[in-house]
Protein backbone atom coordinates (compact mmCIF):
# COMPACT_ATOMS: atom_id res chain seq x y z
CA MET A 1 149.98 96.28 20.61
CA PRO A 2 147.02 97.66 18.81
CA GLU A 3 146.20 95.59 15.84
CA LEU A 4 143.82 96.09 12.87
CA PRO A 5 140.45 96.14 14.78
CA GLU A 6 141.83 98.58 17.51
CA VAL A 7 143.48 100.86 14.94
CA GLU A 8 140.28 100.76 12.81
CA THR A 9 138.20 101.74 15.92
CA ILE A 10 140.45 104.81 16.53
CA VAL A 11 140.28 105.79 12.81
CA GLU A 12 136.54 105.52 12.75
CA ASP A 13 136.27 107.66 15.96
CA LEU A 14 138.83 110.32 14.48
CA LYS A 15 136.64 110.67 11.45
CA LYS A 16 133.73 111.90 13.82
CA LYS A 17 135.98 114.26 15.81
CA VAL A 18 138.94 115.76 13.86
CA LEU A 19 137.96 115.99 10.26
CA ASN A 20 138.36 119.55 9.00
CA ARG A 21 139.90 120.60 12.33
CA THR A 22 143.20 122.52 12.23
CA PHE A 23 146.13 121.82 14.37
CA LEU A 24 147.13 125.04 16.13
CA ASN A 25 150.13 123.69 18.12
CA VAL A 26 151.68 120.45 19.43
CA TRP A 27 153.46 119.66 22.65
CA THR A 28 155.75 116.76 23.67
CA ASP A 29 157.93 115.76 26.63
CA ALA A 30 159.23 112.92 24.63
CA PRO A 31 160.73 114.34 21.43
CA LYS A 32 162.10 110.81 20.51
CA LEU A 33 158.51 109.92 19.60
CA ILE A 34 158.91 112.20 16.52
CA LYS A 35 160.80 110.18 13.87
CA LYS A 36 160.18 112.40 10.99
CA PRO A 37 161.55 115.06 10.86
CA LYS A 38 164.28 114.42 13.36
CA SER A 39 163.75 117.90 15.10
CA PHE A 40 160.59 118.37 17.13
CA LYS A 41 160.85 122.04 16.41
CA ASP A 42 160.65 121.42 12.60
CA PHE A 43 157.78 118.95 13.27
CA GLN A 44 155.90 121.63 15.31
CA LYS A 45 156.57 124.35 12.87
CA SER A 46 155.31 122.27 9.87
CA ILE A 47 152.28 121.03 11.55
CA LYS A 48 151.03 124.39 12.81
CA GLY A 49 148.05 125.63 10.75
CA LYS A 50 147.54 122.28 8.89
CA LYS A 51 143.82 121.08 8.50
CA VAL A 52 142.92 117.41 8.71
CA ILE A 53 141.32 116.56 5.31
CA LYS A 54 141.14 112.81 5.60
CA VAL A 55 141.86 110.10 8.18
CA TRP A 56 142.45 106.44 7.13
CA ARG A 57 144.41 103.19 8.19
CA ARG A 58 146.99 101.23 6.45
CA ALA A 59 147.88 98.13 8.52
CA LYS A 60 148.41 99.34 12.02
CA ASN A 61 149.23 102.88 11.06
CA ILE A 62 146.87 105.86 11.47
CA ILE A 63 147.21 108.26 8.57
CA PHE A 64 146.01 111.78 8.66
CA GLU A 65 146.08 113.65 5.19
CA LEU A 66 146.80 117.29 5.90
CA SER A 67 146.44 120.47 3.97
CA GLY A 68 149.52 121.63 2.21
CA GLY A 69 150.18 118.18 0.94
CA TYR A 70 151.32 116.63 4.23
CA ILE A 71 150.88 113.19 5.73
CA LEU A 72 150.90 112.68 9.53
CA LEU A 73 151.53 109.04 10.34
CA ILE A 74 150.94 107.67 13.90
CA HIS A 75 151.76 104.22 14.89
CA GLN A 76 150.60 103.39 18.49
CA LYS A 77 153.04 100.56 19.01
CA MET A 78 152.70 98.38 22.24
CA THR A 79 150.98 100.56 24.72
CA GLY A 80 149.93 103.76 22.91
CA HIS A 81 146.47 104.99 22.10
CA LEU A 82 145.07 108.30 20.89
CA LEU A 83 142.57 110.17 23.00
CA TYR A 84 140.35 113.10 22.29
CA GLY A 85 139.46 115.49 25.19
CA LYS A 86 140.56 118.46 27.08
CA TRP A 87 143.46 118.53 29.42
CA LYS A 88 145.22 121.18 31.73
CA LEU A 89 148.86 121.24 32.79
CA LYS A 90 149.13 120.92 36.59
CA ASN A 91 152.37 120.34 38.33
CA ASN A 92 154.01 119.66 34.91
CA LYS A 93 151.51 116.79 34.21
CA TRP A 94 148.53 116.97 31.78
CA GLN A 95 145.26 116.17 33.73
CA ALA A 96 142.00 115.48 31.94
CA GLU A 97 139.12 117.75 32.61
CA ASP A 98 135.42 116.66 33.18
CA ASN A 99 135.92 113.09 32.10
CA PRO A 100 136.54 110.54 34.78
CA VAL A 101 137.33 107.82 32.11
CA LEU A 102 140.23 110.01 30.76
CA GLN A 103 141.45 110.44 34.27
CA GLU A 104 142.03 106.62 34.65
CA LYS A 105 145.61 105.64 34.99
CA VAL A 106 145.90 103.78 31.67
CA ASN A 107 145.01 107.11 29.95
CA SER A 108 147.18 109.35 32.02
CA TYR A 109 150.49 108.74 30.15
CA ILE A 110 150.33 111.88 27.95
CA HIS A 111 153.49 112.41 25.96
CA LEU A 112 152.20 113.97 22.78
CA LEU A 113 149.40 116.52 22.51
CA PHE A 114 147.93 118.32 19.58
CA PHE A 115 145.89 121.48 20.13
CA LEU A 116 142.94 121.75 17.87
CA ASP A 117 140.88 124.82 16.59
CA ASN A 118 137.72 123.91 18.40
CA ASN A 119 139.47 124.11 21.98
CA TRP A 120 139.64 120.30 22.15
CA MET A 121 142.96 118.25 22.08
CA LEU A 122 144.23 115.00 20.46
CA ALA A 123 146.57 113.25 22.93
CA LEU A 124 148.73 110.13 22.76
CA SER A 125 148.87 108.31 26.07
CA ASP A 126 151.81 105.73 26.02
CA LEU A 127 153.14 104.13 29.07
CA ARG A 128 156.33 102.76 27.39
CA LYS A 129 156.78 105.65 24.91
CA PHE A 130 157.37 103.16 21.98
CA ALA A 131 154.87 104.96 19.68
CA LYS A 132 156.07 106.98 16.84
CA ALA A 133 154.88 109.97 14.81
CA GLU A 134 156.02 111.03 11.32
CA LEU A 135 155.28 113.99 9.13
CA TRP A 136 155.75 113.14 5.36
CA ASP A 137 155.37 115.00 2.17
CA ARG A 138 152.26 113.10 0.76
CA SER A 139 153.80 112.14 -2.62
CA VAL A 140 157.02 110.90 -1.02
CA PHE A 141 154.96 108.93 1.54
CA LEU A 142 152.76 107.26 -1.08
CA ASN A 143 155.84 106.39 -3.21
CA SER A 144 157.97 105.19 -0.19
CA LYS A 145 159.29 101.82 0.53
CA GLU A 146 157.66 101.97 4.02
CA TYR A 147 154.31 102.37 2.55
CA ASN A 148 154.54 100.07 -0.44
CA SER A 149 156.10 97.14 1.35
CA ILE A 150 152.81 96.61 3.36
CA GLY A 151 150.86 93.56 2.30
CA PRO A 152 147.22 93.34 1.33
CA GLU A 153 144.44 94.48 3.73
CA PRO A 154 142.57 91.41 4.76
CA LEU A 155 139.11 93.17 5.12
CA GLU A 156 139.19 94.67 1.60
CA LYS A 157 137.12 92.98 -1.10
CA SER A 158 140.48 92.49 -3.18
CA PHE A 159 141.63 90.08 -0.51
CA THR A 160 140.09 86.92 -1.97
CA LEU A 161 140.56 83.30 -1.21
CA ASP A 162 142.68 83.00 -4.30
CA VAL A 163 145.03 85.79 -3.01
CA LEU A 164 145.28 83.96 0.25
CA LYS A 165 146.05 80.73 -1.51
CA ASP A 166 148.83 82.32 -3.54
CA ILE A 167 150.34 83.75 -0.33
CA LEU A 168 150.20 80.31 1.35
CA LYS A 169 151.92 78.58 -1.67
CA SER A 170 154.69 81.20 -1.82
CA LYS A 171 155.87 80.89 1.78
CA GLU A 172 157.61 77.96 3.61
CA TRP A 173 156.91 79.59 6.85
CA ARG A 174 155.04 78.60 9.91
CA ILE A 175 151.40 79.91 9.50
CA LYS A 176 151.61 81.97 12.71
CA LYS A 177 154.76 83.81 11.54
CA LEU A 178 153.04 84.33 8.04
CA LEU A 179 149.77 85.91 9.53
CA MET A 180 151.78 88.38 11.61
CA ASP A 181 154.17 89.57 8.89
CA GLN A 182 152.98 93.02 7.73
CA SER A 183 154.68 92.66 4.33
CA VAL A 184 152.48 89.54 3.70
CA ILE A 185 149.13 90.48 5.26
CA ALA A 186 148.36 93.92 6.82
CA GLY A 187 147.26 94.48 10.37
CA ILE A 188 147.16 91.05 12.04
CA GLY A 189 149.26 90.61 15.21
CA ASN A 190 149.69 88.14 17.99
CA ILE A 191 146.16 88.36 19.45
CA TYR A 192 144.14 87.94 16.20
CA ALA A 193 146.53 85.43 14.81
CA ASP A 194 145.88 83.07 17.77
CA GLU A 195 142.07 83.73 17.42
CA ILE A 196 142.04 83.14 13.70
CA LEU A 197 144.06 79.88 13.97
CA TRP A 198 141.89 78.61 16.78
CA GLN A 199 138.72 79.35 14.74
CA ALA A 200 140.31 77.62 11.66
CA LYS A 201 141.55 74.65 13.68
CA ILE A 202 145.01 75.06 12.30
CA HIS A 203 148.19 74.58 14.57
CA PRO A 204 150.38 77.72 14.72
CA LEU A 205 153.38 75.62 13.59
CA GLN A 206 151.72 74.36 10.51
CA GLU A 207 153.80 75.07 7.40
CA ALA A 208 151.81 77.47 5.36
CA SER A 209 152.68 75.90 1.93
CA LYS A 210 151.28 72.68 3.13
CA ILE A 211 147.91 73.90 4.03
CA ASN A 212 145.28 72.21 1.64
CA ASN A 213 142.48 73.98 -0.08
CA ALA A 214 139.87 72.98 2.46
CA LYS A 215 141.93 74.39 5.30
CA ALA A 216 142.81 77.46 3.24
CA LYS A 217 139.06 78.18 2.77
CA LEU A 218 138.60 77.72 6.65
CA LEU A 219 141.49 80.02 7.21
CA TYR A 220 140.29 82.74 4.87
CA GLU A 221 136.78 82.55 6.36
CA SER A 222 138.30 82.79 9.91
CA ILE A 223 140.37 85.86 9.09
CA LYS A 224 137.35 87.64 7.82
CA LYS A 225 135.08 86.50 10.54
CA ILE A 226 137.31 87.30 13.43
CA LEU A 227 138.50 90.74 12.26
CA LYS A 228 135.00 91.84 11.37
CA LYS A 229 133.70 90.87 14.70
CA ALA A 230 136.64 92.53 16.53
CA VAL A 231 136.02 95.73 14.51
CA LYS A 232 132.29 95.63 15.51
CA LEU A 233 133.11 95.06 19.24
CA ARG A 234 135.68 97.95 19.15
CA GLY A 235 138.84 95.96 19.80
CA GLU A 236 140.51 94.07 22.71
CA SER A 237 141.21 95.92 25.88
CA PHE A 238 142.49 93.27 28.30
CA SER A 239 145.86 95.40 28.33
CA ASP A 240 146.42 99.06 27.49
CA PHE A 241 144.34 99.79 24.44
CA ARG A 242 141.40 102.20 24.79
CA ASP A 243 139.34 104.00 22.23
CA LEU A 244 139.40 107.66 21.33
CA MET A 245 137.18 108.60 24.29
CA GLY A 246 139.34 106.43 26.77
CA GLU A 247 136.84 103.54 26.83
CA LYS A 248 137.56 99.83 26.65
CA GLY A 249 136.74 97.63 23.64
CA PHE A 250 134.48 94.58 24.03
CA PHE A 251 136.26 91.72 22.15
CA ASP A 252 137.55 90.13 25.41
CA THR A 253 134.57 88.16 26.04
CA GLU A 254 135.16 86.53 22.55
CA ARG A 255 138.73 85.51 23.15
CA LYS A 256 139.15 81.74 22.73
CA ALA A 257 142.84 81.21 22.69
CA TYR A 258 145.13 84.24 23.24
CA GLN A 259 146.32 84.13 26.89
CA ARG A 260 143.95 81.49 27.84
CA GLU A 261 146.84 79.04 28.90
CA GLY A 262 145.53 76.34 31.23
CA GLU A 263 141.92 77.14 30.63
CA LYS A 264 139.53 74.77 28.87
CA CYS A 265 139.09 75.20 25.27
CA SER A 266 135.43 76.42 24.75
CA ARG A 267 135.11 73.95 21.86
CA CYS A 268 136.34 70.64 23.22
CA GLY A 269 137.34 71.05 26.80
CA THR A 270 141.02 70.47 26.29
CA ARG A 271 143.46 72.86 28.11
CA ILE A 272 144.76 75.57 25.99
CA LYS A 273 148.60 75.47 25.60
CA ARG A 274 151.24 78.03 25.07
CA ILE A 275 154.29 77.75 23.02
CA LYS A 276 156.94 80.37 21.87
CA ILE A 277 157.35 81.01 18.10
CA ASN A 278 160.02 83.38 17.04
CA GLY A 279 160.20 84.67 20.64
CA ARG A 280 156.41 85.34 20.79
CA SER A 281 153.73 83.34 22.86
CA SER A 282 151.29 81.47 20.80
CA HIS A 283 148.14 79.91 22.39
CA TYR A 284 146.25 76.90 20.87
CA CYS A 285 144.11 73.96 21.55
CA PRO A 286 146.20 70.74 21.07
CA HIS A 287 143.06 68.76 20.43
CA CYS A 288 141.39 71.07 17.92
CA GLN A 289 144.47 72.35 16.28
CA LYS A 290 146.55 69.11 15.56
CA LEU A 291 149.98 69.44 13.71
């Protein structure tokens, strides 16, 4: 699933491509992707003629502020990624024009397509069709439980070491679970939680409230370091994620723990292990990350 670095990459690309562009129309062959309003026809009717005023990220959500006081929210979920290009409908399937990268299989699962006023298109490729799109009244969205229940953004200046310490003290949870809970800290998922904990030398099963000040400082520094590096490298693409132009990110060469089971730890040479926590795989070095 695209996490904070991948979503931030898409948002920064969108700012260069779709700001001040107007949606002329929208198509889908998977109306269940539209969660709000429930009718795709209502969604289509409302979005026609709306101009993109601002694009930003909140946790793993891509947020378009539109003219008329609307918010378009897109969550890419497990295998979804937004693409910018030109497609033609051939044999009931959208095929990318003049861009070999967009023609690659991973970019070919087009299930939602926005037509822009510059003859370009914004498409959602999603193999598993788990992504969602929602159209909100802006004031309703900003006052909604969905928006206000999200935790602090870890790359914002307001996310300080003291903020993290307070979070750790307040939760008798395993640290891996805490890092991935969007109501506690925004945007971190399975990949970057493993990488952050490896960097900080903290076992994923460590109880958060028992992490001492020295380890909390290491954890804080690791959160900032790993996420900033991943944003700079445009995300992780060992699976489905691609950027707005269909290209891979470059963080894969930096991956130290996630899905490295059986490989030697690059720090000490011990084999990376995998355990299950709340049904999700966690990867760690048993020598560097002692419980």
